[in-house]
Protein backbone atom coordinates (compact mmCIF):
# COMPACT_ATOMS: atom_id res chain seq x y z
CA MET A 1 -20.30 -5.02 68.61
CA ASN A 2 -16.50 -4.97 68.71
CA GLU A 3 -16.43 -7.94 66.30
CA VAL A 4 -18.71 -6.09 63.87
CA ALA A 5 -16.53 -3.02 64.13
CA LYS A 6 -13.43 -5.07 63.43
CA ARG A 7 -15.02 -6.61 60.35
CA GLY A 8 -16.06 -3.17 59.13
CA GLY A 9 -12.52 -1.90 59.62
CA VAL A 10 -11.07 -4.81 57.65
CA GLY A 11 -13.58 -4.23 54.86
CA ARG A 12 -12.68 -0.56 54.62
CA LEU A 13 -8.99 -1.45 54.61
CA LEU A 14 -9.48 -3.88 51.72
CA ILE A 15 -11.44 -1.24 49.80
CA TRP A 16 -8.57 1.24 50.24
CA ILE A 17 -6.03 -1.38 49.17
CA PHE A 18 -7.96 -2.21 45.98
CA ALA A 19 -8.43 1.47 45.26
CA GLY A 20 -4.70 2.09 45.68
CA VAL A 21 -3.82 -0.78 43.37
CA GLY A 22 -6.26 0.52 40.76
CA LEU A 23 -4.78 4.01 40.99
CA LEU A 24 -1.25 2.67 40.55
CA ALA A 25 -2.36 0.66 37.52
CA ALA A 26 -3.95 3.73 35.94
CA VAL A 27 -0.79 5.76 36.53
CA ALA A 28 1.31 2.99 34.95
CA VAL A 29 -0.91 2.92 31.85
CA ILE A 30 -0.71 6.71 31.47
CA TRP A 31 3.09 6.62 31.89
CA LEU A 32 3.46 3.86 29.30
CA ALA A 33 1.29 5.72 26.81
CA ALA A 34 3.35 8.88 27.32
CA MET A 35 6.58 6.95 26.75
CA LEU A 36 5.28 5.37 23.54
CA ILE A 37 4.09 8.69 22.17
CA GLY A 38 7.41 10.26 23.09
CA THR A 39 9.36 7.62 21.19
CA GLY A 40 7.09 7.85 18.17
CA ARG A 41 5.74 4.31 18.49
CA PHE A 42 2.22 5.59 17.86
CA ASN A 43 3.24 7.51 14.76
CA ARG A 44 2.66 4.51 12.48
CA SER A 45 -0.98 3.78 11.89
CA HIS A 46 -2.09 0.16 12.14
CA ASP A 47 -5.05 0.93 9.90
CA PRO A 48 -3.77 3.42 7.27
CA ALA A 49 -6.21 5.38 5.19
CA PRO A 50 -6.35 4.57 1.47
CA VAL A 51 -4.53 6.82 -0.99
CA ALA A 52 -5.19 7.44 -4.68
CA VAL A 53 -2.59 6.06 -7.11
CA LYS A 54 -2.67 7.12 -10.73
CA GLY A 55 -3.71 4.33 -13.07
CA GLN A 56 -4.69 1.99 -10.24
CA THR A 57 -8.18 0.98 -9.20
CA ALA A 58 -7.17 -1.08 -6.14
CA PRO A 59 -7.08 0.76 -2.78
CA PHE A 60 -3.44 1.61 -2.05
CA SER A 61 -2.04 2.73 1.29
CA VAL A 62 1.21 4.11 2.68
CA GLN A 63 2.97 2.21 5.45
CA ASP A 64 6.28 2.08 7.30
CA VAL A 65 7.25 5.73 7.02
CA ARG A 66 10.69 6.07 8.57
CA ASP A 67 14.08 7.74 8.18
CA VAL A 68 16.71 6.16 5.99
CA ARG A 69 19.51 6.07 8.54
CA GLY A 70 22.37 8.49 8.04
CA THR A 71 20.74 10.30 5.12
CA GLY A 72 18.32 13.17 4.66
CA LEU A 73 15.73 10.82 3.25
CA VAL A 74 12.49 9.25 4.45
CA GLN A 75 11.21 5.98 3.04
CA LEU A 76 7.52 5.37 2.31
CA ALA A 77 6.32 1.89 1.41
CA ILE A 78 3.16 1.80 -0.70
CA GLY A 79 1.02 -1.20 -1.47
CA ILE A 80 -2.39 -2.84 -1.40
CA PRO A 81 -3.55 -3.58 2.15
CA GLY A 82 -4.89 -7.03 2.95
CA ARG A 83 -3.69 -8.60 -0.28
CA VAL A 84 -0.36 -10.32 0.30
CA GLY A 85 -1.09 -13.21 -2.10
CA LYS A 86 1.63 -15.73 -2.89
CA VAL A 87 4.51 -13.32 -2.34
CA ALA A 88 5.52 -12.25 1.15
CA SER A 89 6.65 -8.68 1.63
CA SER A 90 9.99 -7.64 3.06
CA SER A 91 10.89 -9.54 6.24
CA GLY A 92 7.21 -10.11 7.05
CA ARG A 93 6.82 -6.60 8.42
CA TYR A 94 3.96 -5.63 6.12
CA ASP A 95 0.44 -7.03 6.07
CA PHE A 96 -0.12 -5.77 2.54
CA ASP A 97 1.05 -6.38 -1.01
CA HIS A 98 4.14 -4.15 -1.17
CA ARG A 99 4.30 -2.47 -4.61
CA ASN A 100 6.80 0.39 -4.46
CA LEU A 101 9.23 2.29 -2.29
CA ILE A 102 9.42 6.08 -2.32
CA LEU A 103 12.41 8.09 -1.10
CA LEU A 104 11.51 11.59 0.12
CA ASP A 105 14.13 14.32 0.56
CA LYS A 106 13.38 16.03 3.87
CA ALA A 107 15.16 19.25 2.87
CA THR A 108 13.54 19.86 -0.52
CA GLY A 109 10.42 17.71 -0.47
CA ALA A 110 11.48 16.05 -3.74
CA SER A 111 10.57 12.38 -4.02
CA ARG A 112 11.33 9.47 -6.33
CA LYS A 113 9.88 6.02 -6.80
CA LEU A 114 12.35 3.16 -6.99
CA LEU A 115 10.14 1.22 -9.39
CA PRO A 116 8.73 2.83 -12.56
CA ASP A 117 5.21 1.55 -11.83
CA ASN A 118 3.22 -0.22 -9.13
CA ASN A 119 2.38 -3.37 -11.07
CA ARG A 120 4.71 -5.86 -9.38
CA SER A 121 5.09 -7.05 -5.80
CA ILE A 122 8.27 -6.40 -3.82
CA VAL A 123 9.40 -9.63 -2.19
CA GLU A 124 12.19 -8.06 -0.14
CA PHE A 125 14.13 -4.84 0.19
CA ARG A 126 17.28 -3.82 2.04
CA PHE A 127 19.31 -0.69 2.61
CA LEU A 128 23.03 -1.40 2.91
CA PRO A 129 26.05 0.59 4.13
CA ALA A 130 29.30 1.17 2.25
CA VAL A 131 31.02 -0.99 4.86
CA ALA A 132 32.16 -4.60 4.65
CA ALA A 133 30.23 -6.94 6.95
CA VAL A 134 32.47 -8.76 9.45
CA ASP A 135 31.66 -11.81 11.59
CA GLY A 136 28.99 -11.07 14.19
CA ALA A 137 28.32 -7.62 12.73
CA GLN A 138 27.34 -9.16 9.43
CA ARG A 139 23.65 -9.46 10.30
CA ARG A 140 23.55 -5.88 11.51
CA GLY A 141 25.36 -4.77 8.34
CA GLU A 142 22.58 -6.29 6.25
CA GLU A 143 19.54 -5.06 8.09
CA TYR A 144 20.55 -2.05 10.17
CA ILE A 145 18.33 0.39 8.31
CA GLU A 146 15.24 -1.63 9.18
CA GLU A 147 16.04 -1.69 12.91
CA ASP A 148 14.31 0.60 15.34
CA PRO A 149 16.69 3.47 16.23
CA ASP A 150 15.59 3.13 19.86
CA GLU A 151 16.91 -0.44 19.90
CA ALA A 152 20.37 0.17 18.44
CA ASP A 153 22.05 -0.41 21.85
CA GLY A 154 23.96 2.83 21.54
CA LYS A 155 26.22 1.43 18.80
CA THR A 156 27.44 3.62 15.97
CA VAL A 157 25.84 2.37 12.76
CA PRO A 158 27.05 3.50 9.32
CA PRO A 159 24.65 5.35 7.02
CA ALA A 160 22.81 3.68 4.17
CA ALA A 161 24.59 3.91 0.84
CA TYR A 162 22.89 1.32 -1.38
CA TYR A 163 19.55 -0.44 -1.76
CA VAL A 164 18.41 -3.82 -3.04
CA LEU A 165 14.87 -4.75 -4.10
CA ALA A 166 13.77 -8.25 -5.07
CA VAL A 167 10.73 -7.80 -7.29
CA ALA A 168 8.35 -10.59 -8.30
CA GLN A 169 7.63 -11.20 -11.96
CA ALA A 170 4.05 -11.02 -13.17
CA ASP A 171 3.35 -14.74 -12.65
CA LEU A 172 4.94 -14.66 -9.16
CA THR A 173 7.23 -17.61 -9.97
CA LYS A 174 10.51 -15.69 -10.46
CA GLN A 175 12.22 -12.61 -9.07
CA ASP A 176 14.31 -9.79 -10.57
CA VAL A 177 16.80 -7.91 -8.38
CA LEU A 178 17.14 -4.12 -8.55
CA VAL A 179 20.37 -2.64 -7.13
CA GLY A 180 20.89 1.09 -6.68
CA ASN A 181 22.98 3.91 -5.23
CA ILE A 182 21.26 6.25 -2.79
CA SER A 183 23.52 9.25 -3.45
CA ASP A 184 22.81 9.70 -7.17
CA GLY A 185 19.78 7.45 -7.77
CA ARG A 186 21.52 5.28 -10.38
CA GLN A 187 20.06 1.79 -10.40
CA ALA A 188 19.60 -1.28 -12.59
CA PHE A 189 18.08 -4.75 -12.60
CA LEU A 190 21.32 -6.76 -12.43
CA LEU A 191 19.90 -10.22 -11.63
CA LYS A 192 16.85 -11.71 -13.33
CA ASN A 193 14.75 -14.88 -13.22
CA LEU A 194 15.84 -15.91 -9.71
CA ASP A 195 13.93 -18.41 -7.60
CA GLY A 196 14.96 -16.59 -4.43
CA ILE A 197 17.71 -14.92 -2.40
CA ASP A 198 19.04 -16.89 0.57
CA ARG A 199 21.60 -14.42 1.86
CA MET A 200 23.15 -11.04 1.05
CA TRP A 201 25.92 -8.99 2.65
CA MET A 202 28.51 -6.32 1.88
CA LEU A 203 31.70 -8.12 0.88
CA THR A 204 33.63 -4.84 0.59
CA PRO A 205 32.51 -1.20 0.90
CA THR A 206 31.50 -1.32 -2.78
CA ARG A 207 30.70 -4.97 -3.51
CA LEU A 208 27.51 -6.81 -2.64
CA ALA A 209 27.59 -10.60 -2.29
CA LEU A 210 24.52 -12.82 -2.63
CA VAL A 211 23.67 -16.50 -2.37
CA VAL A 212 20.75 -17.12 -4.71
CA ARG A 213 18.65 -19.96 -6.12
CA GLU A 214 18.39 -20.06 -9.88
CA GLY A 215 17.08 -22.88 -12.08
CA MET A 216 17.09 -25.46 -9.23
CA ALA A 217 20.74 -24.63 -8.48
CA VAL A 218 22.53 -22.44 -5.93
CA HIS A 219 24.77 -19.63 -7.19
CA TYR A 220 27.16 -17.15 -5.64
CA LYS A 221 27.01 -13.65 -7.15
CA VAL A 222 29.04 -10.51 -6.50
CA ILE A 223 27.93 -7.08 -7.69
CA ASP A 224 29.97 -3.88 -7.84
CA VAL A 225 27.22 -1.51 -6.72
CA PRO A 226 28.71 1.91 -7.66
CA ALA A 227 29.50 0.55 -11.13
CA LEU A 228 26.19 -1.38 -11.33
CA LYS A 229 28.02 -4.39 -12.69
CA LEU A 230 27.95 -8.14 -11.99
CA VAL A 231 31.61 -9.05 -11.40
CA LEU A 232 31.36 -12.68 -10.25
CA ALA A 233 28.89 -15.50 -10.85
CA ARG A 234 29.69 -19.09 -9.86
CA PRO A 235 27.55 -22.14 -9.14
CA VAL A 236 27.77 -23.70 -5.69
CA GLU A 237 28.52 -27.42 -5.82
CA ILE A 238 25.85 -29.12 -3.72
CA GLY A 239 26.64 -32.77 -4.42
């Protein structure tokens, strides 16, 4: 009888242990969900609803809605979901054919598209600060606007001042590069018929440097962004 009682006591103890573990797990899940909601991680839909786009029959959607760091603007990427095709979108973040980028003024509600229409795919886009990139900070200087603000490690990051869009041509074999100023909206396609961009960084607070592929050759280009002018173009001697 004592042996049976002992076994029953052990069984009840195990039941209480499993119940306690389950309760702790449930509390942990609830806490994690609350943290994610608090940081806005659930604000971006993984399955965005389609939106109507004038003159387009394909189902468009809006993705990656986020602040443009250091400005009063919000960026909205629009494109065709599930149709990446031959051209990858910026930094692989999107699972759709990225067609345009909209800048929304949070104070006035005014918005502007960076491309005049939605007919071409955006291969890559960057927001850049009016600060020269230096050594280890160079990577951050290129891509800081695309980083999650919660993962900035408490470092002071300069605001976005310029933007660069690499846009595929109709046959998807070449790219044209749009460069613009955030403050006044002035922009221009300053590089055309590229095979790709290998690297870009701020050489000075006003000059953008790029290493590009063009006609089976590598070139070094420098653009004065406020003036919207190509100021240096030299081939890179490979061999």
